[in-house]
C-alpha atoms as a PDB file:
ATOM      1  CA  MET A   1     -29.328  12.152-138.340  1.00  0.00           C
ATOM      2  CA  VAL A   2     -25.913  12.160-139.262  1.00  0.00           C
ATOM      3  CA  ARG A   3     -24.516   8.628-140.215  1.00  0.00           C
ATOM      4  CA  LEU A   4     -21.168   7.752-137.743  1.00  0.00           C
ATOM      5  CA  ARG A   5     -18.165   6.076-139.871  1.00  0.00           C
ATOM      6  CA  GLU A   6     -18.805   2.742-139.706  1.00  0.00           C
ATOM      7  CA  PHE A   7     -14.626   1.711-140.396  1.00  0.00           C
ATOM      8  CA  ASP A   8     -11.400   2.589-138.670  1.00  0.00           C
ATOM      9  CA  GLU A   9     -10.276   6.217-140.874  1.00  0.00           C
ATOM     10  CA  GLN A  10      -6.465   5.582-139.636  1.00  0.00           C
ATOM     11  CA  LYS A  11      -6.608   2.024-140.319  1.00  0.00           C
ATOM     12  CA  ALA A  12      -8.192   2.810-144.243  1.00  0.00           C
ATOM     13  CA  LEU A  13      -5.693   5.297-144.285  1.00  0.00           C
ATOM     14  CA  GLU A  14      -2.630   3.068-143.850  1.00  0.00           C
ATOM     15  CA  ALA A  15      -4.017   0.342-145.917  1.00  0.00           C
ATOM     16  CA  ALA A  16      -3.729   3.228-149.010  1.00  0.00           C
ATOM     17  CA  MET A  17      -0.602   4.543-148.162  1.00  0.00           C
ATOM     18  CA  HIS A  18       0.757   1.230-148.234  1.00  0.00           C
ATOM     19  CA  LEU A  19      -1.423   0.074-151.970  1.00  0.00           C
ATOM     20  CA  PHE A  20       0.092   3.875-153.474  1.00  0.00           C
ATOM     21  CA  TRP A  21       3.493   3.288-151.919  1.00  0.00           C
ATOM     22  CA  GLU A  22       3.331  -0.358-153.526  1.00  0.00           C
ATOM     23  CA  LYS A  23       1.979   0.892-157.444  1.00  0.00           C
ATOM     24  CA  GLY A  24       2.001   4.700-157.431  1.00  0.00           C
ATOM     25  CA  TYR A  25      -0.557   6.814-157.871  1.00  0.00           C
ATOM     26  CA  GLU A  26      -1.120   6.144-161.211  1.00  0.00           C
ATOM     27  CA  ALA A  27      -1.018   2.236-161.403  1.00  0.00           C
ATOM     28  CA  THR A  28      -3.495   2.155-157.947  1.00  0.00           C
ATOM     29  CA  SER A  29      -7.412   1.756-159.387  1.00  0.00           C
ATOM     30  CA  LEU A  30     -10.052   2.828-157.210  1.00  0.00           C
ATOM     31  CA  SER A  31     -11.009  -0.638-157.070  1.00  0.00           C
ATOM     32  CA  ASP A  32      -7.566  -1.404-155.849  1.00  0.00           C
ATOM     33  CA  LEU A  33      -8.550   1.215-153.158  1.00  0.00           C
ATOM     34  CA  THR A  34     -11.549  -0.235-152.210  1.00  0.00           C
ATOM     35  CA  ALA A  35     -10.023  -3.645-152.144  1.00  0.00           C
ATOM     36  CA  LYS A  36      -7.229  -2.857-149.512  1.00  0.00           C
ATOM     37  CA  MET A  37      -9.007  -0.429-147.733  1.00  0.00           C
ATOM     38  CA  GLY A  38     -12.074  -2.804-147.402  1.00  0.00           C
ATOM     39  CA  ILE A  39     -14.577   0.163-147.919  1.00  0.00           C
ATOM     40  CA  GLN A  40     -16.718   1.752-150.789  1.00  0.00           C
ATOM     41  CA  ARG A  41     -16.415   4.092-152.945  1.00  0.00           C
ATOM     42  CA  PRO A  42     -18.784   6.783-151.233  1.00  0.00           C
ATOM     43  CA  SER A  43     -16.873   6.289-147.875  1.00  0.00           C
ATOM     44  CA  ILE A  44     -13.242   7.021-149.662  1.00  0.00           C
ATOM     45  CA  TYR A  45     -14.724  10.134-151.033  1.00  0.00           C
ATOM     46  CA  SER A  46     -16.430  10.915-147.587  1.00  0.00           C
ATOM     47  CA  ALA A  47     -13.454  10.674-145.521  1.00  0.00           C
ATOM     48  CA  PHE A  48     -10.683  11.159-148.376  1.00  0.00           C
ATOM     49  CA  GLY A  49     -12.106  13.501-151.197  1.00  0.00           C
ATOM     50  CA  ASP A  50     -11.232  12.131-154.555  1.00  0.00           C
ATOM     51  CA  LYS A  51      -8.257   9.902-154.938  1.00  0.00           C
ATOM     52  CA  LYS A  52      -5.650  12.346-155.520  1.00  0.00           C
ATOM     53  CA  GLN A  53      -6.879  13.931-151.849  1.00  0.00           C
ATOM     54  CA  LEU A  54      -6.669  10.268-150.676  1.00  0.00           C
ATOM     55  CA  PHE A  55      -3.069   9.870-152.411  1.00  0.00           C
ATOM     56  CA  GLU A  56      -1.912  13.241-150.944  1.00  0.00           C
ATOM     57  CA  THR A  57      -2.913  12.415-147.407  1.00  0.00           C
ATOM     58  CA  ALA A  58      -1.400   8.890-147.419  1.00  0.00           C
ATOM     59  CA  LEU A  59       1.822  10.924-148.273  1.00  0.00           C
ATOM     60  CA  ARG A  60       2.247  13.385-145.963  1.00  0.00           C
ATOM     61  CA  LYS A  61       1.110  10.583-143.512  1.00  0.00           C
ATOM     62  CA  TYR A  62       3.905   8.566-144.649  1.00  0.00           C
ATOM     63  CA  ALA A  63       6.124  11.319-144.683  1.00  0.00           C
ATOM     64  CA  GLN A  64       5.266  12.234-141.367  1.00  0.00           C
ATOM     65  CA  LEU A  65       6.198   8.513-140.152  1.00  0.00           C
ATOM     66  CA  HIS A  66       9.494   8.274-142.086  1.00  0.00           C
ATOM     67  CA  ALA A  67      11.114  11.897-140.849  1.00  0.00           C
ATOM     68  CA  SER A  68      10.256  10.437-137.399  1.00  0.00           C
ATOM     69  CA  ARG A  69      11.867   6.849-138.119  1.00  0.00           C
ATOM     70  CA  VAL A  70      14.836   8.790-139.137  1.00  0.00           C
ATOM     71  CA  ARG A  71      15.714  10.748-136.193  1.00  0.00           C
ATOM     72  CA  SER A  72      14.626   7.818-134.237  1.00  0.00           C
ATOM     73  CA  GLN A  73      17.385   5.465-136.122  1.00  0.00           C
ATOM     74  CA  LEU A  74      20.332   8.761-136.033  1.00  0.00           C
ATOM     75  CA  HIS A  75      19.889   8.569-132.015  1.00  0.00           C
ATOM     76  CA  LYS A  76      19.804   4.943-131.443  1.00  0.00           C
ATOM     77  CA  VAL A  77      23.280   4.823-131.362  1.00  0.00           C
ATOM     78  CA  PRO A  78      25.977   7.540-129.222  1.00  0.00           C
ATOM     79  CA  SER A  79      28.409   8.071-132.105  1.00  0.00           C
ATOM     80  CA  VAL A  80      26.949  10.321-134.739  1.00  0.00           C
ATOM     81  CA  LYS A  81      29.244   8.376-137.042  1.00  0.00           C
ATOM     82  CA  GLU A  82      28.279   5.376-136.631  1.00  0.00           C
ATOM     83  CA  ALA A  83      24.647   6.459-136.412  1.00  0.00           C
ATOM     84  CA  PHE A  84      24.865   7.694-140.145  1.00  0.00           C
ATOM     85  CA  ARG A  85      26.390   4.229-140.824  1.00  0.00           C
ATOM     86  CA  SER A  86      23.662   2.304-139.508  1.00  0.00           C
ATOM     87  CA  PHE A  87      20.909   3.966-141.297  1.00  0.00           C
ATOM     88  CA  PHE A  88      22.637   4.002-144.381  1.00  0.00           C
ATOM     89  CA  LYS A  89      23.819   0.411-144.418  1.00  0.00           C
ATOM     90  CA  GLY A  90      19.968  -0.655-142.879  1.00  0.00           C
ATOM     91  CA  VAL A  91      18.765   1.135-146.241  1.00  0.00           C
ATOM     92  CA  VAL A  92      20.598  -1.002-148.097  1.00  0.00           C
ATOM     93  CA  ALA A  93      20.266  -4.693-146.125  1.00  0.00           C
ATOM     94  CA  LYS A  94      15.769  -3.724-145.917  1.00  0.00           C
ATOM     95  CA  GLU A  95      16.433  -3.398-149.827  1.00  0.00           C
ATOM     96  CA  TYR A  96      18.177  -6.735-150.492  1.00  0.00           C
ATOM     97  CA  GLU A  97      16.576  -8.668-147.877  1.00  0.00           C
ATOM     98  CA  GLU A  98      12.582  -7.992-148.809  1.00  0.00           C
ATOM     99  CA  ASP A  99      11.247  -9.145-151.691  1.00  0.00           C
ATOM    100  CA  LEU A 100       8.635  -6.218-152.195  1.00  0.00           C
ATOM    101  CA  ASN A 101      11.090  -3.577-153.652  1.00  0.00           C
ATOM    102  CA  ARG A 102       9.190  -0.457-152.668  1.00  0.00           C
ATOM    103  CA  GLY A 103      11.673   2.138-151.865  1.00  0.00           C
ATOM    104  CA  CYS A 104      10.925   5.205-150.196  1.00  0.00           C
ATOM    105  CA  PHE A 105       6.722   6.472-151.081  1.00  0.00           C
ATOM    106  CA  CYS A 106       8.174  10.241-151.132  1.00  0.00           C
ATOM    107  CA  ILE A 107      10.780   9.592-153.479  1.00  0.00           C
ATOM    108  CA  ASN A 108       8.855   6.790-155.448  1.00  0.00           C
ATOM    109  CA  THR A 109       6.135  10.267-155.742  1.00  0.00           C
ATOM    110  CA  MET A 110       9.035  12.864-156.499  1.00  0.00           C
ATOM    111  CA  VAL A 111       9.778  10.458-159.532  1.00  0.00           C
ATOM    112  CA  GLU A 112       6.318  10.274-160.553  1.00  0.00           C
ATOM    113  CA  LEU A 113       4.640  12.843-159.754  1.00  0.00           C
ATOM    114  CA  ALA A 114       6.976  15.963-159.144  1.00  0.00           C
ATOM    115  CA  PRO A 115       8.031  16.468-162.730  1.00  0.00           C
ATOM    116  CA  HIS A 116       4.398  17.052-163.847  1.00  0.00           C
ATOM    117  CA  ASP A 117       2.403  18.038-160.274  1.00  0.00           C
ATOM    118  CA  THR A 118       3.410  21.104-158.718  1.00  0.00           C
ATOM    119  CA  LYS A 119       1.851  20.181-155.244  1.00  0.00           C
ATOM    120  CA  PHE A 120       3.851  17.233-155.529  1.00  0.00           C
ATOM    121  CA  GLU A 121       7.113  19.098-156.531  1.00  0.00           C
ATOM    122  CA  ILE A 122       6.376  21.098-153.719  1.00  0.00           C
ATOM    123  CA  LEU A 123       5.300  18.275-150.946  1.00  0.00           C
ATOM    124  CA  THR A 124       8.335  15.955-151.970  1.00  0.00           C
ATOM    125  CA  ARG A 125      10.527  18.838-151.721  1.00  0.00           C
ATOM    126  CA  GLU A 126       9.586  19.611-148.136  1.00  0.00           C
ATOM    127  CA  HIS A 127      10.100  16.198-147.142  1.00  0.00           C
ATOM    128  CA  GLN A 128      13.566  16.602-148.665  1.00  0.00           C
ATOM    129  CA  MET A 129      14.498  19.902-146.517  1.00  0.00           C
ATOM    130  CA  TYR A 130      12.995  18.104-143.420  1.00  0.00           C
ATOM    131  CA  LEU A 131      15.326  15.101-143.979  1.00  0.00           C
ATOM    132  CA  SER A 132      18.160  17.450-144.557  1.00  0.00           C
ATOM    133  CA  ALA A 133      17.070  19.025-141.217  1.00  0.00           C
ATOM    134  CA  ILE A 134      17.061  15.922-139.480  1.00  0.00           C
ATOM    135  CA  PHE A 135      20.323  14.783-140.648  1.00  0.00           C
ATOM    136  CA  GLN A 136      21.621  18.481-139.940  1.00  0.00           C
ATOM    137  CA  GLU A 137      20.738  18.250-136.663  1.00  0.00           C
ATOM    138  CA  ALA A 138      23.041  15.050-135.933  1.00  0.00           C
ATOM    139  CA  ILE A 139      26.005  16.467-137.596  1.00  0.00           C
ATOM    140  CA  GLU A 140      25.903  19.567-135.814  1.00  0.00           C
ATOM    141  CA  GLU A 141      25.715  17.433-132.223  1.00  0.00           C
ATOM    142  CA  GLY A 142      28.713  15.362-134.068  1.00  0.00           C
ATOM    143  CA  ILE A 143      30.424  18.590-134.260  1.00  0.00           C
ATOM    144  CA  ARG A 144      29.628  19.632-130.890  1.00  0.00           C
ATOM    145  CA  SER A 145      30.693  16.257-129.123  1.00  0.00           C
ATOM    146  CA  GLY A 146      34.139  16.797-131.213  1.00  0.00           C
ATOM    147  CA  GLU A 147      33.580  13.662-133.294  1.00  0.00           C
ATOM    148  CA  ILE A 148      32.955  15.311-136.375  1.00  0.00           C
ATOM    149  CA  ASN A 149      35.802  18.412-137.511  1.00  0.00           C
ATOM    150  CA  LYS A 150      34.488  21.842-136.670  1.00  0.00           C
ATOM    151  CA  ASP A 151      35.380  23.483-140.181  1.00  0.00           C
ATOM    152  CA  THR A 152      32.599  20.747-141.235  1.00  0.00           C
ATOM    153  CA  ASN A 153      29.346  22.554-143.293  1.00  0.00           C
ATOM    154  CA  ALA A 154      26.666  20.963-141.313  1.00  0.00           C
ATOM    155  CA  THR A 155      24.153  22.201-143.748  1.00  0.00           C
ATOM    156  CA  ALA A 156      26.298  21.330-147.165  1.00  0.00           C
ATOM    157  CA  LEU A 157      27.048  17.468-145.907  1.00  0.00           C
ATOM    158  CA  ALA A 158      23.167  17.334-144.372  1.00  0.00           C
ATOM    159  CA  GLN A 159      22.025  18.185-148.180  1.00  0.00           C
ATOM    160  CA  THR A 160      24.750  16.018-149.969  1.00  0.00           C
ATOM    161  CA  LEU A 161      23.797  13.012-147.689  1.00  0.00           C
ATOM    162  CA  VAL A 162      20.291  13.687-148.557  1.00  0.00           C
ATOM    163  CA  VAL A 163      20.717  13.626-152.038  1.00  0.00           C
ATOM    164  CA  ALA A 164      23.068  10.500-151.633  1.00  0.00           C
ATOM    165  CA  LEU A 165      19.856   8.867-150.139  1.00  0.00           C
ATOM    166  CA  ILE A 166      17.658   9.565-152.852  1.00  0.00           C
ATOM    167  CA  GLY A 167      19.802   7.942-155.187  1.00  0.00           C
ATOM    168  CA  LEU A 168      20.292   5.094-153.789  1.00  0.00           C
ATOM    169  CA  THR A 169      17.016   4.709-152.882  1.00  0.00           C
ATOM    170  CA  VAL A 170      16.398   4.877-156.730  1.00  0.00           C
ATOM    171  CA  MET A 171      19.187   3.051-157.618  1.00  0.00           C
ATOM    172  CA  MET A 172      18.088   0.182-155.568  1.00  0.00           C
ATOM    173  CA  LYS A 173      14.698  -0.228-157.730  1.00  0.00           C
ATOM    174  CA  SER A 174      17.045  -1.757-160.100  1.00  0.00           C
ATOM    175  CA  ARG A 175      18.977  -4.355-157.550  1.00  0.00           C
ATOM    176  CA  PRO A 176      22.402  -3.413-158.470  1.00  0.00           C
ATOM    177  CA  GLU A 177      25.204  -5.520-157.380  1.00  0.00           C
ATOM    178  CA  ARG A 178      25.563  -5.337-153.711  1.00  0.00           C
ATOM    179  CA  SER A 179      29.016  -4.316-154.011  1.00  0.00           C
ATOM    180  CA  PHE A 180      28.641  -1.383-156.204  1.00  0.00           C
ATOM    181  CA  VAL A 181      26.358   0.096-153.676  1.00  0.00           C
ATOM    182  CA  ASP A 182      28.306  -1.353-150.735  1.00  0.00           C
ATOM    183  CA  ASN A 183      31.585   1.054-152.271  1.00  0.00           C
ATOM    184  CA  SER A 184      29.046   4.077-152.563  1.00  0.00           C
ATOM    185  CA  VAL A 185      27.676   3.916-149.354  1.00  0.00           C
ATOM    186  CA  GLU A 186      31.238   3.381-148.171  1.00  0.00           C
ATOM    187  CA  THR A 187      32.714   6.327-149.645  1.00  0.00           C
ATOM    188  CA  THR A 188      29.321   8.415-149.120  1.00  0.00           C
ATOM    189  CA  LEU A 189      29.762   7.935-145.396  1.00  0.00           C
ATOM    190  CA  ALA A 190      33.326   8.793-145.762  1.00  0.00           C
ATOM    191  CA  LEU A 191      32.294  12.256-146.097  1.00  0.00           C
ATOM    192  CA  ILE A 192      31.379  12.486-142.516  1.00  0.00           C
ATOM    193  CA  LYS A 193      35.252  13.334-140.988  1.00  0.00           C
END
């Protein structure tokens, strides 16, 4: 008779996601995972595979949730320019307000693992491209509504905003002077004409 799992897989995965997000892949031990997830090693292996497979599953879950949140944030405000302003300002504010400066799990993975692991290079690049598509969708809406110049290259602008977001997120790890960051964000947002 097959034993039913005696734990909530989604809650355990979410706990693992937050731990990996906070500590990264290398610094997270299996002991850390069992403590945070509230399950034993055999249950982790049975439900998620090894540590790397669990990390990949957690990263995919995060990427899906993150992309959904970004899309939602860009649709909260009728003005595309104001939506991007609110989004970028929100990224900055969150990093300064929280004690735990985690940044973006995908971007952290891009820095930690992508240079050494093709799978994570591809996964993080996919997330970058998905964010670019979300940004491009919003920019094209702004072009259609007349809020953004019709000569704007929506693809190039979206990609530039993704690069700016990645740079901003990585830089926030060092808690730079707020004025330095605010000036950079304003200059980035000025690209949306």
